[in-house]
C-alpha atoms as a PDB file:
ATOM      1  CA  UNK A   1      23.265  21.224  11.420  1.00  0.00           C
ATOM      2  CA  UNK A   2      19.974  20.075  10.349  1.00  0.00           C
ATOM      3  CA  UNK A   3      18.025  17.519  12.967  1.00  0.00           C
ATOM      4  CA  UNK A   4      17.104  13.747  11.648  1.00  0.00           C
ATOM      5  CA  UNK A   5      14.215  13.264  10.844  1.00  0.00           C
ATOM      6  CA  UNK A   6      12.755  10.235  12.534  1.00  0.00           C
ATOM      7  CA  UNK A   7       9.906   8.252  11.057  1.00  0.00           C
ATOM      8  CA  UNK A   8       7.219   8.766  14.607  1.00  0.00           C
ATOM      9  CA  UNK A   9       7.671  12.601  13.800  1.00  0.00           C
ATOM     10  CA  UNK A  10       6.771  12.186  10.403  1.00  0.00           C
ATOM     11  CA  UNK A  11       4.089   9.992  10.318  1.00  0.00           C
ATOM     12  CA  UNK A  12       2.364  12.607  12.893  1.00  0.00           C
ATOM     13  CA  UNK A  13       2.841  15.466  10.561  1.00  0.00           C
ATOM     14  CA  UNK A  14       1.894  13.742   7.673  1.00  0.00           C
ATOM     15  CA  UNK A  15      -1.444  12.773   9.232  1.00  0.00           C
ATOM     16  CA  UNK A  16      -1.662  15.916  10.539  1.00  0.00           C
ATOM     17  CA  UNK A  17      -1.221  17.813   6.643  1.00  0.00           C
ATOM     18  CA  UNK A  18      -3.862  14.877   5.512  1.00  0.00           C
ATOM     19  CA  UNK A  19      -6.347  16.439   8.522  1.00  0.00           C
ATOM     20  CA  UNK A  20      -5.498  20.308   7.658  1.00  0.00           C
ATOM     21  CA  UNK A  21      -5.995  19.406   3.336  1.00  0.00           C
ATOM     22  CA  UNK A  22      -9.348  17.562   4.068  1.00  0.00           C
ATOM     23  CA  UNK A  23     -10.739  20.126   6.541  1.00  0.00           C
ATOM     24  CA  UNK A  24      -5.526  38.146 -30.153  1.00  0.00           C
ATOM     25  CA  UNK A  25      -3.224  40.819 -27.916  1.00  0.00           C
ATOM     26  CA  UNK A  26      -5.117  43.181 -26.600  1.00  0.00           C
ATOM     27  CA  UNK A  27      -8.424  41.594 -26.345  1.00  0.00           C
ATOM     28  CA  UNK A  28      -5.901  38.669 -23.987  1.00  0.00           C
ATOM     29  CA  UNK A  29      -4.822  42.123 -21.695  1.00  0.00           C
ATOM     30  CA  UNK A  30      -8.029  43.269 -20.858  1.00  0.00           C
ATOM     31  CA  UNK A  31      -9.657  42.703 -17.443  1.00  0.00           C
ATOM     32  CA  UNK A  32     -12.607  41.152 -18.743  1.00  0.00           C
ATOM     33  CA  UNK A  33     -10.827  38.458 -20.329  1.00  0.00           C
ATOM     34  CA  UNK A  34      -8.468  37.740 -17.505  1.00  0.00           C
ATOM     35  CA  UNK A  35     -11.448  37.435 -15.246  1.00  0.00           C
ATOM     36  CA  UNK A  36     -13.119  35.065 -18.035  1.00  0.00           C
ATOM     37  CA  UNK A  37      -9.780  32.843 -18.168  1.00  0.00           C
ATOM     38  CA  UNK A  38      -9.519  32.895 -14.335  1.00  0.00           C
ATOM     39  CA  UNK A  39     -12.206  31.523 -13.639  1.00  0.00           C
ATOM     40  CA  UNK A  40     -12.234  28.956 -16.342  1.00  0.00           C
ATOM     41  CA  UNK A  41      -9.347  28.250 -14.596  1.00  0.00           C
ATOM     42  CA  UNK A  42     -10.749  28.063 -10.932  1.00  0.00           C
ATOM     43  CA  UNK A  43     -13.075  25.584 -12.556  1.00  0.00           C
ATOM     44  CA  UNK A  44     -11.078  23.341 -14.147  1.00  0.00           C
ATOM     45  CA  UNK A  45      -8.425  23.431 -10.825  1.00  0.00           C
ATOM     46  CA  UNK A  46     -11.618  22.635  -8.393  1.00  0.00           C
ATOM     47  CA  UNK A  47     -12.833  19.974 -11.235  1.00  0.00           C
ATOM     48  CA  UNK A  48      -9.797  17.905 -11.183  1.00  0.00           C
ATOM     49  CA  UNK A  49      -9.400  18.345  -7.361  1.00  0.00           C
ATOM     50  CA  UNK A  50     -12.798  16.660  -6.727  1.00  0.00           C
ATOM     51  CA  UNK A  51     -11.371  13.768  -8.952  1.00  0.00           C
ATOM     52  CA  UNK A  52      -8.170  13.061  -7.375  1.00  0.00           C
ATOM     53  CA  UNK A  53      -9.711  13.859  -3.742  1.00  0.00           C
ATOM     54  CA  UNK A  54      -9.352   9.953  -2.877  1.00  0.00           C
ATOM     55  CA  UNK A  55      -5.550  10.292  -3.282  1.00  0.00           C
ATOM     56  CA  UNK A  56      -5.165   8.192  -5.925  1.00  0.00           C
ATOM     57  CA  UNK A  57      -1.737   7.916  -7.515  1.00  0.00           C
ATOM     58  CA  UNK A  58      -0.547   8.744 -10.956  1.00  0.00           C
ATOM     59  CA  UNK A  59       0.026   5.479 -13.125  1.00  0.00           C
ATOM     60  CA  UNK A  60       3.205   3.413 -11.938  1.00  0.00           C
ATOM     61  CA  UNK A  61       5.539   1.569 -14.849  1.00  0.00           C
ATOM     62  CA  UNK A  62       8.313  -1.480 -14.793  1.00  0.00           C
ATOM     63  CA  UNK A  63      11.543  -1.157 -15.553  1.00  0.00           C
ATOM     64  CA  UNK A  64      10.785  -2.652 -18.801  1.00  0.00           C
ATOM     65  CA  UNK A  65       8.655   0.518 -19.906  1.00  0.00           C
ATOM     66  CA  UNK A  66      11.929   2.712 -19.552  1.00  0.00           C
ATOM     67  CA  UNK A  67      12.624   5.180 -22.398  1.00  0.00           C
ATOM     68  CA  UNK A  68      16.095   4.862 -23.564  1.00  0.00           C
ATOM     69  CA  UNK A  69      15.976   8.819 -24.052  1.00  0.00           C
ATOM     70  CA  UNK A  70      14.507  11.151 -21.589  1.00  0.00           C
ATOM     71  CA  UNK A  71      15.392  14.790 -22.969  1.00  0.00           C
ATOM     72  CA  UNK A  72      16.641  17.458 -20.640  1.00  0.00           C
ATOM     73  CA  UNK A  73      14.423  20.060 -21.337  1.00  0.00           C
ATOM     74  CA  UNK A  74      15.064  24.126 -20.032  1.00  0.00           C
ATOM     75  CA  UNK A  75      18.167  24.969 -18.175  1.00  0.00           C
ATOM     76  CA  UNK A  76      20.928  21.848 -18.583  1.00  0.00           C
ATOM     77  CA  UNK A  77      23.813  23.524 -17.050  1.00  0.00           C
ATOM     78  CA  UNK A  78      23.130  26.213 -15.033  1.00  0.00           C
ATOM     79  CA  UNK A  79      26.081  29.121 -15.217  1.00  0.00           C
ATOM     80  CA  UNK A  80      25.092  30.201 -11.518  1.00  0.00           C
ATOM     81  CA  UNK A  81      28.687  30.979  -9.690  1.00  0.00           C
ATOM     82  CA  UNK A  82      27.735  28.966  -6.367  1.00  0.00           C
ATOM     83  CA  UNK A  83      25.937  26.874  -8.402  1.00  0.00           C
ATOM     84  CA  UNK A  84      29.077  25.821 -10.676  1.00  0.00           C
ATOM     85  CA  UNK A  85      31.201  25.430  -7.165  1.00  0.00           C
ATOM     86  CA  UNK A  86      28.868  22.994  -6.035  1.00  0.00           C
ATOM     87  CA  UNK A  87      28.848  20.921  -9.494  1.00  0.00           C
ATOM     88  CA  UNK A  88      32.849  21.397  -8.952  1.00  0.00           C
ATOM     89  CA  UNK A  89      32.766  19.975  -5.541  1.00  0.00           C
ATOM     90  CA  UNK A  90      30.598  16.555  -5.889  1.00  0.00           C
ATOM     91  CA  UNK A  91      27.950  19.015  -4.258  1.00  0.00           C
ATOM     92  CA  UNK A  92      29.701  17.865  -0.914  1.00  0.00           C
ATOM     93  CA  UNK A  93      29.063  21.336   0.817  1.00  0.00           C
ATOM     94  CA  UNK A  94      25.304  21.752  -1.003  1.00  0.00           C
ATOM     95  CA  UNK A  95      22.276  22.607   1.442  1.00  0.00           C
ATOM     96  CA  UNK A  96      18.872  22.332   0.598  1.00  0.00           C
ATOM     97  CA  UNK A  97      17.290  25.327   2.752  1.00  0.00           C
ATOM     98  CA  UNK A  98      13.831  24.944   4.504  1.00  0.00           C
ATOM     99  CA  UNK A  99      12.057  28.106   5.662  1.00  0.00           C
ATOM    100  CA  UNK A 100       9.402  30.157   5.651  1.00  0.00           C
ATOM    101  CA  UNK A 101       6.583  29.538   7.259  1.00  0.00           C
ATOM    102  CA  UNK A 102       7.648  26.757   9.192  1.00  0.00           C
ATOM    103  CA  UNK A 103       8.691  26.222  13.331  1.00  0.00           C
ATOM    104  CA  UNK A 104      11.736  24.227  12.542  1.00  0.00           C
ATOM    105  CA  UNK A 105      14.144  25.919   9.534  1.00  0.00           C
ATOM    106  CA  UNK A 106      15.972  23.399   8.163  1.00  0.00           C
ATOM    107  CA  UNK A 107      19.407  22.941   6.333  1.00  0.00           C
ATOM    108  CA  UNK A 108      20.034  19.337   4.740  1.00  0.00           C
ATOM    109  CA  UNK A 109      22.740  18.012   2.830  1.00  0.00           C
ATOM    110  CA  UNK A 110      22.273  15.638  -0.090  1.00  0.00           C
ATOM    111  CA  UNK A 111      23.838  12.865   2.458  1.00  0.00           C
ATOM    112  CA  UNK A 112      21.208  13.530   4.837  1.00  0.00           C
ATOM    113  CA  UNK A 113      18.700  13.441   2.569  1.00  0.00           C
ATOM    114  CA  UNK A 114      19.549  10.309   0.996  1.00  0.00           C
ATOM    115  CA  UNK A 115      19.627   8.774   4.830  1.00  0.00           C
ATOM    116  CA  UNK A 116      15.946   9.857   4.613  1.00  0.00           C
ATOM    117  CA  UNK A 117      13.026   6.961   4.321  1.00  0.00           C
ATOM    118  CA  UNK A 118      12.638   7.040   0.481  1.00  0.00           C
ATOM    119  CA  UNK A 119      10.457   6.796  -2.457  1.00  0.00           C
ATOM    120  CA  UNK A 120      11.276   4.972  -5.911  1.00  0.00           C
ATOM    121  CA  UNK A 121       8.732   5.285  -8.633  1.00  0.00           C
ATOM    122  CA  UNK A 122       8.565   4.330 -12.458  1.00  0.00           C
ATOM    123  CA  UNK A 123       6.552   7.304 -13.754  1.00  0.00           C
ATOM    124  CA  UNK A 124       5.913   9.265 -16.980  1.00  0.00           C
ATOM    125  CA  UNK A 125       6.913  12.870 -17.686  1.00  0.00           C
ATOM    126  CA  UNK A 126       4.543  14.744 -19.692  1.00  0.00           C
ATOM    127  CA  UNK A 127       5.578  17.869 -21.166  1.00  0.00           C
ATOM    128  CA  UNK A 128       3.823  20.846 -22.071  1.00  0.00           C
ATOM    129  CA  UNK A 129       5.381  21.242 -25.407  1.00  0.00           C
ATOM    130  CA  UNK A 130       3.949  17.770 -26.474  1.00  0.00           C
ATOM    131  CA  UNK A 131       6.757  15.105 -25.606  1.00  0.00           C
ATOM    132  CA  UNK A 132       6.830  12.170 -22.570  1.00  0.00           C
ATOM    133  CA  UNK A 133       9.352  10.250 -21.302  1.00  0.00           C
ATOM    134  CA  UNK A 134       9.096   7.205 -18.642  1.00  0.00           C
ATOM    135  CA  UNK A 135      12.375   7.178 -16.179  1.00  0.00           C
ATOM    136  CA  UNK A 136      12.674   5.891 -12.510  1.00  0.00           C
ATOM    137  CA  UNK A 137      13.245   8.081  -9.735  1.00  0.00           C
ATOM    138  CA  UNK A 138      14.564   8.066  -6.062  1.00  0.00           C
ATOM    139  CA  UNK A 139      14.177  11.099  -3.405  1.00  0.00           C
ATOM    140  CA  UNK A 140      12.410  11.546  -0.115  1.00  0.00           C
ATOM    141  CA  UNK A 141       8.650  12.341   0.548  1.00  0.00           C
ATOM    142  CA  UNK A 142       8.263  15.795   0.398  1.00  0.00           C
ATOM    143  CA  UNK A 143       5.665  15.240   2.806  1.00  0.00           C
ATOM    144  CA  UNK A 144       8.144  13.768   5.313  1.00  0.00           C
ATOM    145  CA  UNK A 145      10.392  17.055   5.164  1.00  0.00           C
ATOM    146  CA  UNK A 146       7.714  19.235   5.402  1.00  0.00           C
ATOM    147  CA  UNK A 147       6.198  17.415   8.246  1.00  0.00           C
ATOM    148  CA  UNK A 148       9.523  18.220  10.438  1.00  0.00           C
ATOM    149  CA  UNK A 149       9.825  21.084   9.513  1.00  0.00           C
ATOM    150  CA  UNK A 150       6.299  21.442  10.878  1.00  0.00           C
ATOM    151  CA  UNK A 151       4.274  24.091   9.171  1.00  0.00           C
ATOM    152  CA  UNK A 152       2.628  27.209  10.873  1.00  0.00           C
ATOM    153  CA  UNK A 153      -1.307  27.560  10.482  1.00  0.00           C
ATOM    154  CA  UNK A 154      -0.845  30.087   8.047  1.00  0.00           C
ATOM    155  CA  UNK A 155       1.640  28.206   5.497  1.00  0.00           C
ATOM    156  CA  UNK A 156      -0.550  27.643   1.919  1.00  0.00           C
ATOM    157  CA  UNK A 157       2.027  26.936  -0.975  1.00  0.00           C
ATOM    158  CA  UNK A 158       5.412  25.564  -0.970  1.00  0.00           C
ATOM    159  CA  UNK A 159       7.574  27.971  -3.279  1.00  0.00           C
ATOM    160  CA  UNK A 160      10.768  26.007  -4.615  1.00  0.00           C
ATOM    161  CA  UNK A 161      13.573  28.521  -5.396  1.00  0.00           C
ATOM    162  CA  UNK A 162      16.024  27.084  -8.279  1.00  0.00           C
ATOM    163  CA  UNK A 163      19.714  27.673  -9.153  1.00  0.00           C
ATOM    164  CA  UNK A 164      18.547  28.079 -12.962  1.00  0.00           C
ATOM    165  CA  UNK A 165      17.889  31.060 -14.633  1.00  0.00           C
ATOM    166  CA  UNK A 166      16.347  31.863 -18.020  1.00  0.00           C
ATOM    167  CA  UNK A 167      16.341  35.131 -19.427  1.00  0.00           C
ATOM    168  CA  UNK A 168      18.238  36.616 -16.264  1.00  0.00           C
ATOM    169  CA  UNK A 169      15.358  35.629 -14.083  1.00  0.00           C
ATOM    170  CA  UNK A 170      15.307  32.961 -11.559  1.00  0.00           C
ATOM    171  CA  UNK A 171      13.234  29.789 -12.069  1.00  0.00           C
ATOM    172  CA  UNK A 172      11.015  29.244  -9.434  1.00  0.00           C
ATOM    173  CA  UNK A 173       7.705  26.678  -9.072  1.00  0.00           C
ATOM    174  CA  UNK A 174       5.042  26.308  -6.060  1.00  0.00           C
ATOM    175  CA  UNK A 175       2.480  23.737  -5.344  1.00  0.00           C
ATOM    176  CA  UNK A 176      -0.241  23.951  -2.768  1.00  0.00           C
ATOM    177  CA  UNK A 177      -0.192  21.169   0.453  1.00  0.00           C
ATOM    178  CA  UNK A 178      -2.275  18.370  -1.046  1.00  0.00           C
ATOM    179  CA  UNK A 179      -0.001  18.106  -3.875  1.00  0.00           C
ATOM    180  CA  UNK A 180       3.201  18.789  -1.721  1.00  0.00           C
ATOM    181  CA  UNK A 181       1.872  15.564   0.821  1.00  0.00           C
ATOM    182  CA  UNK A 182       0.852  13.501  -1.897  1.00  0.00           C
ATOM    183  CA  UNK A 183       3.010  10.247  -1.666  1.00  0.00           C
ATOM    184  CA  UNK A 184       4.275  10.743  -5.130  1.00  0.00           C
ATOM    185  CA  UNK A 185       5.525  14.328  -4.758  1.00  0.00           C
ATOM    186  CA  UNK A 186       9.266  13.761  -3.920  1.00  0.00           C
ATOM    187  CA  UNK A 187      12.531  15.149  -3.719  1.00  0.00           C
ATOM    188  CA  UNK A 188      14.422  13.345  -6.450  1.00  0.00           C
ATOM    189  CA  UNK A 189      18.144  12.729  -6.361  1.00  0.00           C
ATOM    190  CA  UNK A 190      18.446   9.349  -8.651  1.00  0.00           C
ATOM    191  CA  UNK A 191      17.369   8.659 -11.665  1.00  0.00           C
ATOM    192  CA  UNK A 192      17.232   5.290 -13.094  1.00  0.00           C
ATOM    193  CA  UNK A 193      19.523   3.935 -10.562  1.00  0.00           C
ATOM    194  CA  UNK A 194      22.290   6.723 -10.839  1.00  0.00           C
ATOM    195  CA  UNK A 195      22.678  10.114  -8.875  1.00  0.00           C
ATOM    196  CA  UNK A 196      20.680  12.672 -11.414  1.00  0.00           C
ATOM    197  CA  UNK A 197      22.597  14.716 -13.558  1.00  0.00           C
ATOM    198  CA  UNK A 198      23.099  17.907 -14.077  1.00  0.00           C
ATOM    199  CA  UNK A 199      21.309  18.621 -16.980  1.00  0.00           C
ATOM    200  CA  UNK A 200      18.187  16.781 -15.127  1.00  0.00           C
ATOM    201  CA  UNK A 201      18.553  19.015 -12.305  1.00  0.00           C
ATOM    202  CA  UNK A 202      21.615  17.689 -10.093  1.00  0.00           C
ATOM    203  CA  UNK A 203      22.037  17.766  -7.210  1.00  0.00           C
ATOM    204  CA  UNK A 204      17.781  17.016  -6.600  1.00  0.00           C
ATOM    205  CA  UNK A 205      14.521  18.249  -8.573  1.00  0.00           C
ATOM    206  CA  UNK A 206      10.940  17.964  -7.744  1.00  0.00           C
ATOM    207  CA  UNK A 207       8.679  14.923  -8.893  1.00  0.00           C
ATOM    208  CA  UNK A 208       5.283  16.186  -8.637  1.00  0.00           C
ATOM    209  CA  UNK A 209       3.651  13.372 -10.618  1.00  0.00           C
ATOM    210  CA  UNK A 210       0.210  14.183 -11.252  1.00  0.00           C
ATOM    211  CA  UNK A 211       1.068  17.526 -12.893  1.00  0.00           C
ATOM    212  CA  UNK A 212       2.963  18.692 -16.421  1.00  0.00           C
ATOM    213  CA  UNK A 213       6.803  18.913 -16.762  1.00  0.00           C
ATOM    214  CA  UNK A 214       7.449  22.323 -16.268  1.00  0.00           C
ATOM    215  CA  UNK A 215       5.915  21.721 -12.637  1.00  0.00           C
ATOM    216  CA  UNK A 216       8.812  19.660 -11.734  1.00  0.00           C
ATOM    217  CA  UNK A 217      11.187  22.433 -10.603  1.00  0.00           C
ATOM    218  CA  UNK A 218      15.028  21.413 -11.410  1.00  0.00           C
ATOM    219  CA  UNK A 219      18.091  22.149  -9.523  1.00  0.00           C
ATOM    220  CA  UNK A 220      16.019  23.302  -6.223  1.00  0.00           C
ATOM    221  CA  UNK A 221      18.024  25.461  -3.606  1.00  0.00           C
ATOM    222  CA  UNK A 222      15.724  26.727  -1.011  1.00  0.00           C
ATOM    223  CA  UNK A 223      12.000  25.046  -0.118  1.00  0.00           C
ATOM    224  CA  UNK A 224       9.739  28.192   1.241  1.00  0.00           C
ATOM    225  CA  UNK A 225       6.550  27.962   2.957  1.00  0.00           C
ATOM    226  CA  UNK A 226       4.029  31.174   2.066  1.00  0.00           C
ATOM    227  CA  UNK A 227       0.939  31.924   2.596  1.00  0.00           C
ATOM    228  CA  UNK A 228       0.226  32.974  -0.621  1.00  0.00           C
ATOM    229  CA  UNK A 229       1.933  33.851  -4.173  1.00  0.00           C
ATOM    230  CA  UNK A 230       1.261  37.377  -5.325  1.00  0.00           C
ATOM    231  CA  UNK A 231       4.567  38.730  -3.641  1.00  0.00           C
ATOM    232  CA  UNK A 232       6.723  35.827  -4.902  1.00  0.00           C
ATOM    233  CA  UNK A 233       8.086  36.378  -8.776  1.00  0.00           C
ATOM    234  CA  UNK A 234       5.520  37.729 -11.324  1.00  0.00           C
ATOM    235  CA  UNK A 235       2.607  36.603  -8.754  1.00  0.00           C
ATOM    236  CA  UNK A 236       1.083  34.052 -10.965  1.00  0.00           C
ATOM    237  CA  UNK A 237       2.861  30.981  -8.919  1.00  0.00           C
ATOM    238  CA  UNK A 238       6.113  29.695 -11.415  1.00  0.00           C
ATOM    239  CA  UNK A 239       8.513  30.898 -13.717  1.00  0.00           C
ATOM    240  CA  UNK A 240       6.382  30.237 -17.046  1.00  0.00           C
ATOM    241  CA  UNK A 241       3.318  31.110 -15.445  1.00  0.00           C
ATOM    242  CA  UNK A 242       4.712  34.731 -15.091  1.00  0.00           C
ATOM    243  CA  UNK A 243       5.482  34.864 -18.822  1.00  0.00           C
ATOM    244  CA  UNK A 244       3.524  32.589 -20.466  1.00  0.00           C
ATOM    245  CA  UNK A 245       0.118  32.448 -19.172  1.00  0.00           C
ATOM    246  CA  UNK A 246       1.245  28.868 -17.715  1.00  0.00           C
ATOM    247  CA  UNK A 247      -1.417  27.299 -15.916  1.00  0.00           C
ATOM    248  CA  UNK A 248      -0.789  27.476 -12.253  1.00  0.00           C
ATOM    249  CA  UNK A 249      -2.506  24.017 -11.595  1.00  0.00           C
ATOM    250  CA  UNK A 250      -0.997  21.839 -14.443  1.00  0.00           C
ATOM    251  CA  UNK A 251      -2.861  18.495 -13.499  1.00  0.00           C
ATOM    252  CA  UNK A 252      -2.934  15.460 -15.962  1.00  0.00           C
END
């Protein structure tokens, strides 16, 4: 059974984390093209990081702004056998695994996550396909969980392994520690005052509010802390990054 996460440990970890973070097809396949695109993306990433260095928040809205319809995109009903068994049992035996480069690997039930300090926020979800919707999300700040797990010095990225498959491959996403410890980055288990529905990622999904929707991984089963992304999936840091060359950093 996982140890409880107390507020003092969480605060200390967050402070430590903050200090750490301060301290045409043929053409497209050429190495020169890849290098140019990579350089442009790096410039965009560092420019956006400079703009948000003060930890500014994504805009939050009022209950009156909540959309009447929130499109369920991508996977909406994973057919993975283990996941289906969790759905049938109401996620009674489901546990979130936190491992990798951490001092204290965790296994947290949905009930344990719900008893931790919570954050509720009403934010806009911006999809790369061009649509947006506003919803209220409630969940545990990811930084609290990371703080209790205790990051090893080499930990640089947070990888989210999910239960859904697209095209036969398991979905995954990743973010860095800057976004991992941002106060609006939460592991959401409730949407618009109700437990998260299967179509929207039950029982747990990532909300990383300063990035586009494909970064908000649904059906999160495991969180792995790693030093690099080159050996995860196709090495680009996410399912769509590997397959469609989406930007790893999808800042908005």
